[in-house]
């Protein structure tokens, strides 16, 4: 597999614009989204060891695969 040609700034831009890149994939309302965001923020803050962007996205990807969310 080739290297991913993506800087952290490019990834940040894509993540900020996911709603336009993947229309009709968001299913939460504003309140639900804020609750989900708060849970993820707390998880990151409460983790007692160092984690970074690759750790987070890889773990999220694995969880999404478990729930077959890419279908």
N, C-alpha and C. Protein backbone atom coordinates (compact mmCIF):
# COMPACT_ATOMS: atom_id res chain seq x y z
N UNK A 1 0.86 -1.17 0.00
CA UNK A 1 0.00 0.00 0.00
C UNK A 1 0.90 1.23 0.00
N UNK A 2 0.56 2.23 -0.81
CA UNK A 2 1.34 3.45 -0.89
C UNK A 2 1.08 4.36 0.30
N UNK A 3 1.96 5.30 0.46
CA UNK A 3 1.80 6.27 1.55
C UNK A 3 0.61 7.18 1.26
N UNK A 4 -0.10 7.52 2.27
CA UNK A 4 -1.21 8.44 2.15
C UNK A 4 -0.65 9.83 1.93
N UNK A 5 -1.00 10.44 0.82
CA UNK A 5 -0.49 11.77 0.50
C UNK A 5 -1.43 12.80 1.11
N UNK A 6 -1.29 12.99 2.41
CA UNK A 6 -2.20 13.87 3.12
C UNK A 6 -1.48 14.45 4.33
N UNK A 7 -1.40 15.75 4.39
CA UNK A 7 -0.81 16.39 5.56
C UNK A 7 -1.89 16.53 6.62
N UNK A 8 -1.49 16.83 7.83
CA UNK A 8 -2.49 17.02 8.89
C UNK A 8 -3.39 18.21 8.58
N UNK A 9 -2.86 19.25 7.92
CA UNK A 9 -3.69 20.39 7.56
C UNK A 9 -4.72 20.03 6.49
N UNK A 10 -4.32 19.20 5.52
CA UNK A 10 -5.28 18.75 4.50
C UNK A 10 -6.37 17.88 5.14
N UNK A 11 -5.95 17.02 6.07
CA UNK A 11 -6.92 16.18 6.76
C UNK A 11 -7.87 17.04 7.58
N UNK A 12 -7.33 18.03 8.25
CA UNK A 12 -8.17 18.95 9.04
C UNK A 12 -9.21 19.62 8.15
N UNK A 13 -8.80 20.09 6.98
CA UNK A 13 -9.72 20.73 6.05
C UNK A 13 -10.81 19.76 5.62
N UNK A 14 -10.42 18.54 5.26
CA UNK A 14 -11.41 17.55 4.83
C UNK A 14 -12.39 17.23 5.96
N UNK A 15 -11.88 17.11 7.18
CA UNK A 15 -12.75 16.78 8.31
C UNK A 15 -13.71 17.93 8.61
N UNK A 16 -13.24 19.17 8.43
CA UNK A 16 -14.11 20.33 8.66
C UNK A 16 -15.22 20.42 7.62
N UNK A 17 -15.03 19.78 6.49
CA UNK A 17 -15.98 19.87 5.38
C UNK A 17 -16.62 18.53 5.04
N UNK A 18 -16.66 17.62 5.99
CA UNK A 18 -17.23 16.30 5.72
C UNK A 18 -18.68 16.36 5.30
N UNK A 19 -19.43 17.29 5.85
CA UNK A 19 -20.85 17.37 5.49
C UNK A 19 -21.05 17.64 4.01
N UNK A 20 -20.14 18.39 3.39
CA UNK A 20 -20.26 18.64 1.95
C UNK A 20 -19.60 17.53 1.12
N UNK A 21 -18.56 16.89 1.69
CA UNK A 21 -17.90 15.80 0.98
C UNK A 21 -18.71 14.52 1.01
N UNK A 22 -19.47 14.32 2.08
CA UNK A 22 -20.31 13.12 2.23
C UNK A 22 -21.74 13.53 2.60
N UNK A 23 -22.44 14.12 1.66
CA UNK A 23 -23.80 14.57 1.97
C UNK A 23 -24.69 13.38 2.33
N UNK A 24 -25.65 13.64 3.17
CA UNK A 24 -26.65 12.65 3.59
C UNK A 24 -26.09 11.52 4.45
N UNK A 25 -24.90 11.70 5.04
CA UNK A 25 -24.36 10.68 5.93
C UNK A 25 -24.47 11.06 7.39
N UNK A 26 -24.81 12.30 7.69
CA UNK A 26 -25.00 12.73 9.06
C UNK A 26 -26.44 12.43 9.47
N UNK A 27 -26.61 11.80 10.62
CA UNK A 27 -27.96 11.43 11.05
C UNK A 27 -28.34 12.04 12.40
N UNK A 28 -27.44 12.77 13.03
CA UNK A 28 -27.74 13.35 14.34
C UNK A 28 -28.30 14.76 14.19
N UNK A 29 -29.11 15.14 15.17
CA UNK A 29 -29.54 16.53 15.23
C UNK A 29 -28.48 17.31 16.01
N UNK A 30 -28.66 18.60 16.17
CA UNK A 30 -27.63 19.43 16.82
C UNK A 30 -27.36 18.99 18.26
N UNK A 31 -28.40 18.66 19.00
CA UNK A 31 -28.23 18.24 20.40
C UNK A 31 -27.48 16.91 20.48
N UNK A 32 -27.85 15.97 19.64
CA UNK A 32 -27.18 14.67 19.63
C UNK A 32 -25.72 14.81 19.23
N UNK A 33 -25.46 15.66 18.22
CA UNK A 33 -24.08 15.87 17.79
C UNK A 33 -23.24 16.45 18.93
N UNK A 34 -23.78 17.44 19.64
CA UNK A 34 -23.04 18.04 20.74
C UNK A 34 -22.76 17.01 21.84
N UNK A 35 -23.72 16.14 22.11
CA UNK A 35 -23.52 15.09 23.11
C UNK A 35 -22.40 14.13 22.66
N UNK A 36 -22.42 13.74 21.39
CA UNK A 36 -21.38 12.87 20.86
C UNK A 36 -20.02 13.54 20.92
N UNK A 37 -19.96 14.80 20.51
CA UNK A 37 -18.73 15.58 20.57
C UNK A 37 -18.20 15.63 22.01
N UNK A 38 -19.09 15.89 22.96
CA UNK A 38 -18.68 15.98 24.37
C UNK A 38 -18.12 14.65 24.87
N UNK A 39 -18.74 13.55 24.47
CA UNK A 39 -18.23 12.23 24.87
C UNK A 39 -16.83 11.98 24.32
N UNK A 40 -16.63 12.33 23.05
CA UNK A 40 -15.32 12.13 22.44
C UNK A 40 -14.27 13.03 23.09
N UNK A 41 -14.64 14.27 23.35
CA UNK A 41 -13.73 15.21 24.00
C UNK A 41 -13.34 14.70 25.39
N UNK A 42 -14.32 14.21 26.15
CA UNK A 42 -14.05 13.66 27.48
C UNK A 42 -13.16 12.43 27.39
N UNK A 43 -13.41 11.58 26.40
CA UNK A 43 -12.60 10.38 26.22
C UNK A 43 -11.14 10.75 26.00
N UNK A 44 -10.91 11.73 25.12
CA UNK A 44 -9.53 12.17 24.84
C UNK A 44 -8.90 12.76 26.10
N UNK A 45 -9.63 13.60 26.79
CA UNK A 45 -9.10 14.26 27.99
C UNK A 45 -8.83 13.27 29.11
N UNK A 46 -9.67 12.25 29.25
CA UNK A 46 -9.54 11.30 30.35
C UNK A 46 -8.56 10.17 30.08
N UNK A 47 -8.09 10.04 28.85
CA UNK A 47 -7.13 8.99 28.53
C UNK A 47 -5.80 9.31 29.19
N UNK A 48 -5.26 8.34 29.94
CA UNK A 48 -4.08 8.59 30.76
C UNK A 48 -2.77 8.38 30.02
N UNK A 49 -2.83 8.14 28.74
CA UNK A 49 -1.60 7.98 27.96
C UNK A 49 -1.73 8.86 26.71
N UNK A 50 -0.61 9.07 26.04
CA UNK A 50 -0.60 9.94 24.87
C UNK A 50 -1.29 9.27 23.69
N UNK A 51 -2.15 10.03 23.03
CA UNK A 51 -2.78 9.60 21.79
C UNK A 51 -2.68 10.77 20.81
N UNK A 52 -2.71 10.44 19.54
CA UNK A 52 -2.65 11.48 18.52
C UNK A 52 -3.63 11.14 17.42
N UNK A 53 -3.60 11.93 16.39
CA UNK A 53 -4.60 11.88 15.34
C UNK A 53 -4.71 10.49 14.69
N UNK A 54 -3.59 9.85 14.43
CA UNK A 54 -3.64 8.53 13.79
C UNK A 54 -4.27 7.50 14.72
N UNK A 55 -3.95 7.58 16.01
CA UNK A 55 -4.55 6.66 16.98
C UNK A 55 -6.07 6.82 17.01
N UNK A 56 -6.51 8.07 17.04
CA UNK A 56 -7.94 8.34 17.12
C UNK A 56 -8.68 7.89 15.88
N UNK A 57 -8.17 8.26 14.71
CA UNK A 57 -8.86 7.90 13.47
C UNK A 57 -8.81 6.40 13.20
N UNK A 58 -7.71 5.75 13.57
CA UNK A 58 -7.62 4.30 13.40
C UNK A 58 -8.62 3.59 14.31
N UNK A 59 -8.70 4.04 15.57
CA UNK A 59 -9.67 3.44 16.50
C UNK A 59 -11.10 3.69 16.03
N UNK A 60 -11.37 4.90 15.56
CA UNK A 60 -12.71 5.21 15.05
C UNK A 60 -13.03 4.35 13.83
N UNK A 61 -12.07 4.20 12.93
CA UNK A 61 -12.27 3.35 11.75
C UNK A 61 -12.59 1.91 12.16
N UNK A 62 -11.83 1.38 13.12
CA UNK A 62 -12.07 0.00 13.57
C UNK A 62 -13.47 -0.15 14.17
N UNK A 63 -13.88 0.83 14.97
CA UNK A 63 -15.22 0.78 15.56
C UNK A 63 -16.29 0.87 14.47
N UNK A 64 -16.05 1.72 13.49
CA UNK A 64 -17.01 1.85 12.38
C UNK A 64 -17.10 0.56 11.58
N UNK A 65 -15.97 -0.10 11.38
CA UNK A 65 -15.98 -1.40 10.70
C UNK A 65 -16.79 -2.42 11.49
N UNK A 66 -16.62 -2.42 12.83
CA UNK A 66 -17.38 -3.35 13.67
C UNK A 66 -18.88 -3.19 13.48
N UNK A 67 -19.32 -1.97 13.28
CA UNK A 67 -20.75 -1.69 13.12
C UNK A 67 -21.17 -1.56 11.66
N UNK A 68 -20.27 -1.90 10.75
CA UNK A 68 -20.52 -1.86 9.30
C UNK A 68 -21.12 -0.52 8.87
N UNK A 69 -20.51 0.56 9.35
CA UNK A 69 -21.03 1.90 9.09
C UNK A 69 -20.65 2.44 7.72
N UNK A 70 -19.77 1.76 6.99
CA UNK A 70 -19.37 2.25 5.67
C UNK A 70 -20.37 1.86 4.59
N UNK A 71 -21.29 0.98 4.92
CA UNK A 71 -22.29 0.54 3.94
C UNK A 71 -23.32 1.61 3.66
